[in-house]
Amino acid sequence: MDLFETGKIVRVCAPMVRYSKLAFRSLVRKYDCDICFTPMIVADDFLRSGKARDSELTTNNGDRPLIIQFAARDALTLAKAACVVAPFSDGVDLNCGCPQRWAMAEGYGACLINKPQLVKDMVRQVRIQVDNPNYAVSIKIRVHRDVRKTVDLCQKAEAAGVSWITVHGRTPDERHQPVHHDAIRTIKDSLTIPVIANGDIRNLQDMESMHELTGVDGVMSARGLLANPALFAGFESTPLQCLWDWVDIALQHGTPFACFHHHLIYMLERITSQPERKIFNSLSSTSAIIDYLQNTYGSIES
């Protein structure tokens, strides 16, 4: 699967708990998003429970390219999960970046950046088990304070056959501090595989600046896409067409009301006043939301 064309910055929707599900992925794909990740799925639970598989992962024929992100802490579990999802996805990603305490306490997420041999074994085991040489295996990491440790981790993963690496340019204990562009650049210069940069991508200018500063092959956005799903298409804020596209897609997919509403709250945040947001945030039904949007912004002529 050659997703990285020469000279093109690949545009990626990040794995976001509760938010980067099928309906939202369908929306951002309409606005120049090249690759979408699922929310992080705990591989152990996914394999153990059919109910978990049904609730955690929904897809369709148009939902491609699709990368399934797993939280895992041993090679065989990750490889088994990859084999289950391989027929209807384009790759799996190992989460080595989640900084939440519960994840790290359970041996998942960002604690894996300090276990480079384990990460190498996990990547290699997926390569062995999945009978498809074009199936992508990637890892998403945060950086160490000593970037040499991050380079060592990435080079071990590359040697094991990882397809690309996504680098969130902060350490596990950093939240809103500036992204370490120098660390991402060092990592990129140390590898021959593609690198995707994550962190503070809120508009096309951020994307282009990240590319210029680091030389990466792609950028990944999370909060930027939540606030503006049309970000990658060059819009500075959510266009009216995108709001109505979300209404249509969410209704088609039977999106639960809370999720439907929360996405619109994010999309409207930059383009509404505080009194308007207070009114919109208090709405409690789909019909009330549609009426509000029509009365406030008007509809799009088809």
C-alpha atoms as a PDB file:
ATOM      1  CA  MET A   1       0.000   0.000   0.000  1.00  0.00           C
ATOM      2  CA  ASP A   2       1.832   3.080  -1.245  1.00  0.00           C
ATOM      3  CA  LEU A   3       0.117   5.970   0.525  1.00  0.00           C
ATOM      4  CA  PHE A   4       3.138   8.231   0.424  1.00  0.00           C
ATOM      5  CA  GLU A   5       3.524   9.767  -3.011  1.00  0.00           C
ATOM      6  CA  THR A   6       6.634  11.815  -3.688  1.00  0.00           C
ATOM      7  CA  GLY A   7       6.121  15.485  -2.971  1.00  0.00           C
ATOM      8  CA  LYS A   8       2.657  15.133  -1.420  1.00  0.00           C
ATOM      9  CA  ILE A   9       2.110  15.739   2.280  1.00  0.00           C
ATOM     10  CA  VAL A  10      -0.173  12.929   3.435  1.00  0.00           C
ATOM     11  CA  ARG A  11      -3.094  14.217   5.534  1.00  0.00           C
ATOM     12  CA  VAL A  12      -4.190  12.001   8.391  1.00  0.00           C
ATOM     13  CA  CYS A  13      -7.086  11.959  10.855  1.00  0.00           C
ATOM     14  CA  ALA A  14      -5.797  10.987  14.290  1.00  0.00           C
ATOM     15  CA  PRO A  15      -7.119   8.201  16.505  1.00  0.00           C
ATOM     16  CA  MET A  16      -9.478   9.972  18.934  1.00  0.00           C
ATOM     17  CA  VAL A  17     -11.353   8.235  21.726  1.00  0.00           C
ATOM     18  CA  ARG A  18     -15.136   8.454  21.075  1.00  0.00           C
ATOM     19  CA  TYR A  19     -14.697  10.754  18.083  1.00  0.00           C
ATOM     20  CA  SER A  20     -12.805   9.238  15.135  1.00  0.00           C
ATOM     21  CA  LYS A  21     -15.515   6.674  14.418  1.00  0.00           C
ATOM     22  CA  LEU A  22     -17.016   5.747  11.067  1.00  0.00           C
ATOM     23  CA  ALA A  23     -19.377   8.724  10.688  1.00  0.00           C
ATOM     24  CA  PHE A  24     -16.668  11.298  11.430  1.00  0.00           C
ATOM     25  CA  ARG A  25     -14.166   9.465   9.241  1.00  0.00           C
ATOM     26  CA  SER A  26     -16.730   9.612   6.422  1.00  0.00           C
ATOM     27  CA  LEU A  27     -17.000  13.368   6.915  1.00  0.00           C
ATOM     28  CA  VAL A  28     -13.278  14.199   6.876  1.00  0.00           C
ATOM     29  CA  ARG A  29     -12.745  11.982   3.824  1.00  0.00           C
ATOM     30  CA  LYS A  30     -15.048  14.370   1.917  1.00  0.00           C
ATOM     31  CA  TYR A  31     -12.588  17.166   2.751  1.00  0.00           C
ATOM     32  CA  ASP A  32      -9.224  15.863   1.516  1.00  0.00           C
ATOM     33  CA  CYS A  33      -8.218  13.596   4.394  1.00  0.00           C
ATOM     34  CA  ASP A  34      -6.022  10.830   2.951  1.00  0.00           C
ATOM     35  CA  ILE A  35      -5.873   8.288   5.803  1.00  0.00           C
ATOM     36  CA  CYS A  36      -8.114   7.764   8.834  1.00  0.00           C
ATOM     37  CA  PHE A  37      -7.318   5.997  12.089  1.00  0.00           C
ATOM     38  CA  THR A  38      -9.890   4.365  14.328  1.00  0.00           C
ATOM     39  CA  PRO A  39      -9.992   5.276  18.014  1.00  0.00           C
ATOM     40  CA  MET A  40      -7.579   3.229  20.122  1.00  0.00           C
ATOM     41  CA  ILE A  41      -8.908  -0.294  20.743  1.00  0.00           C
ATOM     42  CA  VAL A  42      -7.569  -2.477  23.560  1.00  0.00           C
ATOM     43  CA  ALA A  43      -6.465  -5.614  21.713  1.00  0.00           C
ATOM     44  CA  ASP A  44      -7.068  -7.987  24.654  1.00  0.00           C
ATOM     45  CA  ASP A  45     -10.694  -6.888  25.019  1.00  0.00           C
ATOM     46  CA  PHE A  46     -11.221  -6.910  21.264  1.00  0.00           C
ATOM     47  CA  LEU A  47     -10.136 -10.558  20.991  1.00  0.00           C
ATOM     48  CA  ARG A  48     -11.969 -11.692  24.112  1.00  0.00           C
ATOM     49  CA  SER A  49     -15.415 -10.281  23.388  1.00  0.00           C
ATOM     50  CA  GLY A  50     -17.599 -10.291  20.296  1.00  0.00           C
ATOM     51  CA  LYS A  51     -19.601  -7.514  21.877  1.00  0.00           C
ATOM     52  CA  ALA A  52     -16.436  -5.421  22.183  1.00  0.00           C
ATOM     53  CA  ARG A  53     -15.592  -6.068  18.522  1.00  0.00           C
ATOM     54  CA  ASP A  54     -19.046  -4.960  17.400  1.00  0.00           C
ATOM     55  CA  SER A  55     -19.054  -1.795  19.521  1.00  0.00           C
ATOM     56  CA  GLU A  56     -15.431  -0.765  18.978  1.00  0.00           C
ATOM     57  CA  LEU A  57     -15.146  -1.171  15.236  1.00  0.00           C
ATOM     58  CA  THR A  58     -17.600  -0.327  12.465  1.00  0.00           C
ATOM     59  CA  THR A  59     -16.543   0.238   8.876  1.00  0.00           C
ATOM     60  CA  ASN A  60     -17.824   0.053   5.283  1.00  0.00           C
ATOM     61  CA  ASN A  61     -16.492  -0.171   1.733  1.00  0.00           C
ATOM     62  CA  GLY A  62     -15.913   3.581   1.468  1.00  0.00           C
ATOM     63  CA  ASP A  63     -13.937   3.730   4.698  1.00  0.00           C
ATOM     64  CA  ARG A  64     -10.497   3.342   3.144  1.00  0.00           C
ATOM     65  CA  PRO A  65      -7.591   3.727   3.588  1.00  0.00           C
ATOM     66  CA  LEU A  66      -8.270   2.688   7.198  1.00  0.00           C
ATOM     67  CA  ILE A  67      -5.746   2.072   9.955  1.00  0.00           C
ATOM     68  CA  ILE A  68      -6.903   0.214  13.079  1.00  0.00           C
ATOM     69  CA  GLN A  69      -5.092   1.443  16.175  1.00  0.00           C
ATOM     70  CA  PHE A  70      -4.565  -1.059  18.969  1.00  0.00           C
ATOM     71  CA  ALA A  71      -3.337  -0.770  22.529  1.00  0.00           C
ATOM     72  CA  ALA A  72      -1.355  -3.926  23.202  1.00  0.00           C
ATOM     73  CA  ARG A  73       1.457  -5.056  25.484  1.00  0.00           C
ATOM     74  CA  ASP A  74       2.575  -8.358  23.945  1.00  0.00           C
ATOM     75  CA  ALA A  75       3.411  -9.454  20.436  1.00  0.00           C
ATOM     76  CA  LEU A  76       1.040 -12.401  20.042  1.00  0.00           C
ATOM     77  CA  THR A  77      -2.040 -10.456  21.134  1.00  0.00           C
ATOM     78  CA  LEU A  78      -1.292  -7.631  18.713  1.00  0.00           C
ATOM     79  CA  ALA A  79      -0.649 -10.079  15.879  1.00  0.00           C
ATOM     80  CA  LYS A  80      -3.886 -11.999  16.538  1.00  0.00           C
ATOM     81  CA  ALA A  81      -5.872  -8.759  16.571  1.00  0.00           C
ATOM     82  CA  ALA A  82      -4.196  -7.674  13.331  1.00  0.00           C
ATOM     83  CA  CYS A  83      -5.180 -10.949  11.668  1.00  0.00           C
ATOM     84  CA  VAL A  84      -8.828 -10.391  12.657  1.00  0.00           C
ATOM     85  CA  VAL A  85      -9.010  -6.886  11.149  1.00  0.00           C
ATOM     86  CA  ALA A  86      -6.673  -7.310   8.172  1.00  0.00           C
ATOM     87  CA  PRO A  87      -9.395  -8.361   5.675  1.00  0.00           C
ATOM     88  CA  PHE A  88     -11.248  -5.051   6.015  1.00  0.00           C
ATOM     89  CA  SER A  89      -8.493  -2.524   6.773  1.00  0.00           C
ATOM     90  CA  ASP A  90      -5.242  -1.298   5.287  1.00  0.00           C
ATOM     91  CA  GLY A  91      -3.058  -1.530   8.351  1.00  0.00           C
ATOM     92  CA  VAL A  92      -2.716  -1.630  12.110  1.00  0.00           C
ATOM     93  CA  ASP A  93      -1.023   0.887  14.357  1.00  0.00           C
ATOM     94  CA  LEU A  94       0.466   0.166  17.780  1.00  0.00           C
ATOM     95  CA  ASN A  95      -0.264   2.925  20.275  1.00  0.00           C
ATOM     96  CA  CYS A  96       3.018   3.858  21.948  1.00  0.00           C
ATOM     97  CA  GLY A  97       1.979   7.403  22.788  1.00  0.00           C
ATOM     98  CA  CYS A  98      -1.116   7.487  24.999  1.00  0.00           C
ATOM     99  CA  PRO A  99      -0.041   9.331  28.180  1.00  0.00           C
ATOM    100  CA  GLN A 100      -3.130   8.546  30.275  1.00  0.00           C
ATOM    101  CA  ARG A 101      -2.291   7.042  33.650  1.00  0.00           C
ATOM    102  CA  TRP A 102      -4.592   4.038  33.311  1.00  0.00           C
ATOM    103  CA  ALA A 103      -2.995   3.066  29.990  1.00  0.00           C
ATOM    104  CA  MET A 104       0.559   3.339  31.259  1.00  0.00           C
ATOM    105  CA  ALA A 105      -0.327   1.523  34.494  1.00  0.00           C
ATOM    106  CA  GLU A 106      -1.668  -1.381  32.410  1.00  0.00           C
ATOM    107  CA  GLY A 107       1.462  -1.510  30.244  1.00  0.00           C
ATOM    108  CA  TYR A 108      -0.085   0.220  27.243  1.00  0.00           C
ATOM    109  CA  GLY A 109       0.579   3.490  25.433  1.00  0.00           C
ATOM    110  CA  ALA A 110       3.516   5.756  26.133  1.00  0.00           C
ATOM    111  CA  CYS A 111       5.277   3.364  28.510  1.00  0.00           C
ATOM    112  CA  LEU A 112       6.180   1.315  25.420  1.00  0.00           C
ATOM    113  CA  ILE A 113       8.615   3.976  24.201  1.00  0.00           C
ATOM    114  CA  ASN A 114      10.892   2.714  26.986  1.00  0.00           C
ATOM    115  CA  LYS A 115      10.634  -0.892  25.737  1.00  0.00           C
ATOM    116  CA  PRO A 116      12.174  -0.740  22.258  1.00  0.00           C
ATOM    117  CA  GLN A 117      12.877  -4.474  22.040  1.00  0.00           C
ATOM    118  CA  LEU A 118       9.258  -5.295  22.871  1.00  0.00           C
ATOM    119  CA  VAL A 119       8.016  -2.834  20.231  1.00  0.00           C
ATOM    120  CA  LYS A 120      10.392  -4.426  17.709  1.00  0.00           C
ATOM    121  CA  ASP A 121       9.064  -7.898  18.562  1.00  0.00           C
ATOM    122  CA  MET A 122       5.449  -6.711  18.263  1.00  0.00           C
ATOM    123  CA  VAL A 123       6.009  -5.216  14.823  1.00  0.00           C
ATOM    124  CA  ARG A 124       7.860  -8.323  13.643  1.00  0.00           C
ATOM    125  CA  GLN A 125       5.143 -10.672  14.917  1.00  0.00           C
ATOM    126  CA  VAL A 126       2.449  -8.802  12.983  1.00  0.00           C
ATOM    127  CA  ARG A 127       4.612  -9.017   9.880  1.00  0.00           C
ATOM    128  CA  ILE A 128       4.934 -12.787  10.383  1.00  0.00           C
ATOM    129  CA  GLN A 129       1.267 -13.450  11.137  1.00  0.00           C
ATOM    130  CA  VAL A 130      -0.502 -11.240   8.574  1.00  0.00           C
ATOM    131  CA  ASP A 131      -0.236 -12.913   5.186  1.00  0.00           C
ATOM    132  CA  ASN A 132      -0.159  -9.720   3.135  1.00  0.00           C
ATOM    133  CA  PRO A 133       3.125  -7.922   2.370  1.00  0.00           C
ATOM    134  CA  ASN A 134       1.210  -4.743   1.471  1.00  0.00           C
ATOM    135  CA  TYR A 135      -0.549  -4.545   4.835  1.00  0.00           C
ATOM    136  CA  ALA A 136       0.772  -1.579   6.820  1.00  0.00           C
ATOM    137  CA  VAL A 137       2.172  -1.905  10.330  1.00  0.00           C
ATOM    138  CA  SER A 138       2.878   1.411  12.028  1.00  0.00           C
ATOM    139  CA  ILE A 139       3.565   2.796  15.488  1.00  0.00           C
ATOM    140  CA  LYS A 140       2.514   6.100  17.023  1.00  0.00           C
ATOM    141  CA  ILE A 141       4.943   7.424  19.631  1.00  0.00           C
ATOM    142  CA  ARG A 142       5.815  10.354  21.830  1.00  0.00           C
ATOM    143  CA  VAL A 143       9.417  11.531  22.159  1.00  0.00           C
ATOM    144  CA  HIS A 144      11.946  11.090  24.957  1.00  0.00           C
ATOM    145  CA  ARG A 145      13.695  14.056  26.542  1.00  0.00           C
ATOM    146  CA  ASP A 146      16.851  12.470  25.154  1.00  0.00           C
ATOM    147  CA  VAL A 147      15.994  12.164  21.464  1.00  0.00           C
ATOM    148  CA  ARG A 148      18.717   9.539  21.011  1.00  0.00           C
ATOM    149  CA  LYS A 149      16.466   7.079  22.837  1.00  0.00           C
ATOM    150  CA  THR A 150      13.633   7.882  20.444  1.00  0.00           C
ATOM    151  CA  VAL A 151      15.915   7.389  17.439  1.00  0.00           C
ATOM    152  CA  ASP A 152      16.993   3.996  18.833  1.00  0.00           C
ATOM    153  CA  LEU A 153      13.344   2.957  19.272  1.00  0.00           C
ATOM    154  CA  CYS A 154      12.445   4.067  15.751  1.00  0.00           C
ATOM    155  CA  GLN A 155      15.430   2.365  14.140  1.00  0.00           C
ATOM    156  CA  LYS A 156      14.603  -0.908  15.902  1.00  0.00           C
ATOM    157  CA  ALA A 157      11.016  -0.650  14.653  1.00  0.00           C
ATOM    158  CA  GLU A 158      12.256   0.099  11.140  1.00  0.00           C
ATOM    159  CA  ALA A 159      14.500  -2.974  11.236  1.00  0.00           C
ATOM    160  CA  ALA A 160      11.482  -5.072  12.242  1.00  0.00           C
ATOM    161  CA  GLY A 161       9.544  -3.939   9.172  1.00  0.00           C
ATOM    162  CA  VAL A 162       7.412  -1.035  10.365  1.00  0.00           C
ATOM    163  CA  SER A 163       5.775   0.805   7.448  1.00  0.00           C
ATOM    164  CA  TRP A 164       5.892   4.290   8.924  1.00  0.00           C
ATOM    165  CA  ILE A 165       6.094   6.036  12.294  1.00  0.00           C
ATOM    166  CA  THR A 166       3.833   8.778  13.600  1.00  0.00           C
ATOM    167  CA  VAL A 167       5.602  11.101  16.032  1.00  0.00           C
ATOM    168  CA  HIS A 168       3.675  13.239  18.489  1.00  0.00           C
ATOM    169  CA  GLY A 169       6.286  15.886  19.163  1.00  0.00           C
ATOM    170  CA  ARG A 170       5.881  16.022  22.946  1.00  0.00           C
ATOM    171  CA  THR A 171       7.106  13.860  25.805  1.00  0.00           C
ATOM    172  CA  PRO A 172       4.547  11.745  27.705  1.00  0.00           C
ATOM    173  CA  ASP A 173       4.328  14.292  30.534  1.00  0.00           C
ATOM    174  CA  GLU A 174       3.846  17.317  28.259  1.00  0.00           C
ATOM    175  CA  ARG A 175       0.347  18.485  27.350  1.00  0.00           C
ATOM    176  CA  HIS A 176       0.180  21.993  25.888  1.00  0.00           C
ATOM    177  CA  GLN A 177       3.869  22.830  25.605  1.00  0.00           C
ATOM    178  CA  PRO A 178       5.244  23.670  22.145  1.00  0.00           C
ATOM    179  CA  VAL A 179       5.917  20.732  19.844  1.00  0.00           C
ATOM    180  CA  HIS A 180       9.597  19.708  19.618  1.00  0.00           C
ATOM    181  CA  HIS A 181      10.145  20.235  15.903  1.00  0.00           C
ATOM    182  CA  ASP A 182      13.874  19.598  16.286  1.00  0.00           C
ATOM    183  CA  ALA A 183      13.228  16.132  17.712  1.00  0.00           C
ATOM    184  CA  ILE A 184      10.858  15.249  14.867  1.00  0.00           C
ATOM    185  CA  ARG A 185      13.465  16.461  12.357  1.00  0.00           C
ATOM    186  CA  THR A 186      16.163  14.326  13.980  1.00  0.00           C
ATOM    187  CA  ILE A 187      13.926  11.261  13.867  1.00  0.00           C
ATOM    188  CA  LYS A 188      13.008  11.875  10.244  1.00  0.00           C
ATOM    189  CA  ASP A 189      16.665  12.269   9.279  1.00  0.00           C
ATOM    190  CA  SER A 190      17.536   9.000  11.055  1.00  0.00           C
ATOM    191  CA  LEU A 191      15.094   6.800   9.125  1.00  0.00           C
ATOM    192  CA  THR A 192      14.423   5.719   5.551  1.00  0.00           C
ATOM    193  CA  ILE A 193      10.702   5.010   6.092  1.00  0.00           C
ATOM    194  CA  PRO A 194       8.003   7.724   6.064  1.00  0.00           C
ATOM    195  CA  VAL A 195       7.373   9.797   9.189  1.00  0.00           C
ATOM    196  CA  ILE A 196       4.090  11.498  10.088  1.00  0.00           C
ATOM    197  CA  ALA A 197       4.127  14.437  12.502  1.00  0.00           C
ATOM    198  CA  ASN A 198       1.382  14.990  15.076  1.00  0.00           C
ATOM    199  CA  GLY A 199       0.773  17.980  17.323  1.00  0.00           C
ATOM    200  CA  ASP A 200      -0.757  21.444  16.865  1.00  0.00           C
ATOM    201  CA  ILE A 201      -1.963  21.008  13.268  1.00  0.00           C
ATOM    202  CA  ARG A 202      -4.908  23.436  13.190  1.00  0.00           C
ATOM    203  CA  ASN A 203      -4.805  24.737   9.606  1.00  0.00           C
ATOM    204  CA  LEU A 204      -2.953  24.349   6.309  1.00  0.00           C
ATOM    205  CA  GLN A 205      -0.323  26.864   7.383  1.00  0.00           C
ATOM    206  CA  ASP A 206       0.503  24.690  10.399  1.00  0.00           C
ATOM    207  CA  MET A 207       0.757  21.688   8.083  1.00  0.00           C
ATOM    208  CA  GLU A 208       3.112  23.475   5.703  1.00  0.00           C
ATOM    209  CA  SER A 209       5.217  24.874   8.556  1.00  0.00           C
ATOM    210  CA  MET A 210       5.550  21.411  10.087  1.00  0.00           C
ATOM    211  CA  HIS A 211       6.682  20.031   6.739  1.00  0.00           C
ATOM    212  CA  GLU A 212       9.232  22.813   6.258  1.00  0.00           C
ATOM    213  CA  LEU A 213      10.633  22.512   9.792  1.00  0.00           C
ATOM    214  CA  THR A 214      10.830  18.737   9.958  1.00  0.00           C
ATOM    215  CA  GLY A 215      10.783  17.311   6.431  1.00  0.00           C
ATOM    216  CA  VAL A 216       8.086  14.795   7.354  1.00  0.00           C
ATOM    217  CA  ASP A 217       6.036  12.888   4.809  1.00  0.00           C
ATOM    218  CA  GLY A 218       2.653  13.528   6.413  1.00  0.00           C
ATOM    219  CA  VAL A 219       0.814  15.335   9.183  1.00  0.00           C
ATOM    220  CA  MET A 220      -1.843  14.090  11.582  1.00  0.00           C
ATOM    221  CA  SER A 221      -4.495  16.280  13.180  1.00  0.00           C
ATOM    222  CA  ALA A 222      -6.793  15.572  16.121  1.00  0.00           C
ATOM    223  CA  ARG A 223      -8.279  18.635  17.820  1.00  0.00           C
ATOM    224  CA  GLY A 224      -7.777  20.699  14.665  1.00  0.00           C
ATOM    225  CA  LEU A 225     -10.049  18.347  12.707  1.00  0.00           C
ATOM    226  CA  LEU A 226     -12.604  18.204  15.505  1.00  0.00           C
ATOM    227  CA  ALA A 227     -12.897  21.990  15.358  1.00  0.00           C
ATOM    228  CA  ASN A 228     -12.826  22.065  11.557  1.00  0.00           C
ATOM    229  CA  PRO A 229     -13.331  18.776   9.670  1.00  0.00           C
ATOM    230  CA  ALA A 230     -12.644  20.696   6.428  1.00  0.00           C
ATOM    231  CA  LEU A 231      -9.180  21.761   7.627  1.00  0.00           C
ATOM    232  CA  PHE A 232      -7.282  19.706   5.045  1.00  0.00           C
ATOM    233  CA  ALA A 233      -9.379  21.193   2.235  1.00  0.00           C
ATOM    234  CA  GLY A 234      -8.040  24.637   3.161  1.00  0.00           C
ATOM    235  CA  PHE A 235     -10.962  26.119   5.113  1.00  0.00           C
ATOM    236  CA  GLU A 236     -10.013  28.319   8.087  1.00  0.00           C
ATOM    237  CA  SER A 237     -13.175  27.357   9.962  1.00  0.00           C
ATOM    238  CA  THR A 238     -15.976  24.848   9.460  1.00  0.00           C
ATOM    239  CA  PRO A 239     -17.940  25.821   6.312  1.00  0.00           C
ATOM    240  CA  LEU A 240     -21.725  25.653   6.304  1.00  0.00           C
ATOM    241  CA  GLN A 241     -21.679  22.791   3.800  1.00  0.00           C
ATOM    242  CA  CYS A 242     -19.594  20.740   6.234  1.00  0.00           C
ATOM    243  CA  LEU A 243     -22.113  21.291   9.063  1.00  0.00           C
ATOM    244  CA  TRP A 244     -24.940  19.970   6.898  1.00  0.00           C
ATOM    245  CA  ASP A 245     -22.746  17.132   5.601  1.00  0.00           C
ATOM    246  CA  TRP A 246     -22.240  16.078   9.224  1.00  0.00           C
ATOM    247  CA  VAL A 247     -25.981  16.202   9.913  1.00  0.00           C
ATOM    248  CA  ASP A 248     -26.668  14.001   6.868  1.00  0.00           C
ATOM    249  CA  ILE A 249     -23.870  11.518   7.593  1.00  0.00           C
ATOM    250  CA  ALA A 250     -24.634  11.263  11.312  1.00  0.00           C
ATOM    251  CA  LEU A 251     -28.316  10.590  10.631  1.00  0.00           C
ATOM    252  CA  GLN A 252     -27.454   7.970   8.008  1.00  0.00           C
ATOM    253  CA  HIS A 253     -25.178   6.171  10.452  1.00  0.00           C
ATOM    254  CA  GLY A 254     -27.525   6.397  13.420  1.00  0.00           C
ATOM    255  CA  THR A 255     -24.939   8.316  15.441  1.00  0.00           C
ATOM    256  CA  PRO A 256     -25.960   8.569  19.120  1.00  0.00           C
ATOM    257  CA  PHE A 257     -27.281  12.015  20.006  1.00  0.00           C
ATOM    258  CA  ALA A 258     -24.482  12.892  22.460  1.00  0.00           C
ATOM    259  CA  CYS A 259     -21.800  12.212  19.843  1.00  0.00           C
ATOM    260  CA  PHE A 260     -23.771  13.993  17.094  1.00  0.00           C
ATOM    261  CA  HIS A 261     -24.169  17.052  19.349  1.00  0.00           C
ATOM    262  CA  HIS A 262     -20.583  17.088  20.650  1.00  0.00           C
ATOM    263  CA  HIS A 263     -19.126  17.121  17.144  1.00  0.00           C
ATOM    264  CA  LEU A 264     -21.255  20.142  16.248  1.00  0.00           C
ATOM    265  CA  ILE A 265     -20.246  21.888  19.480  1.00  0.00           C
ATOM    266  CA  TYR A 266     -16.608  21.536  18.416  1.00  0.00           C
ATOM    267  CA  MET A 267     -17.316  22.656  14.838  1.00  0.00           C
ATOM    268  CA  LEU A 268     -19.237  25.765  15.919  1.00  0.00           C
ATOM    269  CA  GLU A 269     -16.812  26.877  18.617  1.00  0.00           C
ATOM    270  CA  ARG A 270     -14.747  29.150  16.368  1.00  0.00           C
ATOM    271  CA  ILE A 271     -17.677  30.644  14.456  1.00  0.00           C
ATOM    272  CA  THR A 272     -20.222  31.416  17.178  1.00  0.00           C
ATOM    273  CA  SER A 273     -20.416  33.892  20.036  1.00  0.00           C
ATOM    274  CA  GLN A 274     -20.490  32.775  23.655  1.00  0.00           C
ATOM    275  CA  PRO A 275     -24.252  33.462  24.035  1.00  0.00           C
ATOM    276  CA  GLU A 276     -24.907  31.471  20.845  1.00  0.00           C
ATOM    277  CA  ARG A 277     -22.780  28.591  22.098  1.00  0.00           C
ATOM    278  CA  LYS A 278     -24.642  28.554  25.404  1.00  0.00           C
ATOM    279  CA  ILE A 279     -27.956  28.183  23.573  1.00  0.00           C
ATOM    280  CA  PHE A 280     -26.657  25.553  21.163  1.00  0.00           C
ATOM    281  CA  ASN A 281     -24.941  23.506  23.869  1.00  0.00           C
ATOM    282  CA  SER A 282     -28.204  23.259  25.804  1.00  0.00           C
ATOM    283  CA  LEU A 283     -30.189  21.758  22.918  1.00  0.00           C
ATOM    284  CA  SER A 284     -31.405  18.264  23.720  1.00  0.00           C
ATOM    285  CA  SER A 285     -32.811  16.756  20.517  1.00  0.00           C
ATOM    286  CA  THR A 286     -31.804  16.219  16.917  1.00  0.00           C
ATOM    287  CA  SER A 287     -34.826  18.143  15.651  1.00  0.00           C
ATOM    288  CA  ALA A 288     -33.946  21.117  17.878  1.00  0.00           C
ATOM    289  CA  ILE A 289     -30.419  21.129  16.483  1.00  0.00           C
ATOM    290  CA  ILE A 290     -31.608  21.015  12.865  1.00  0.00           C
ATOM    291  CA  ASP A 291     -34.083  23.829  13.532  1.00  0.00           C
ATOM    292  CA  TYR A 292     -31.336  25.900  15.181  1.00  0.00           C
ATOM    293  CA  LEU A 293     -28.932  25.408  12.268  1.00  0.00           C
ATOM    294  CA  GLN A 294     -31.575  26.281   9.684  1.00  0.00           C
ATOM    295  CA  ASN A 295     -32.735  29.363  11.563  1.00  0.00           C
ATOM    296  CA  THR A 296     -29.218  30.584  12.327  1.00  0.00           C
ATOM    297  CA  TYR A 297     -27.235  29.675   9.212  1.00  0.00           C
ATOM    298  CA  GLY A 298     -29.759  28.614   6.594  1.00  0.00           C
ATOM    299  CA  SER A 299     -29.634  25.430   4.549  1.00  0.00           C
ATOM    300  CA  ILE A 300     -27.527  24.446   1.565  1.00  0.00           C
ATOM    301  CA  GLU A 301     -29.305  24.219  -1.774  1.00  0.00           C
ATOM    302  CA  SER A 302     -28.666  20.840  -3.358  1.00  0.00           C
END
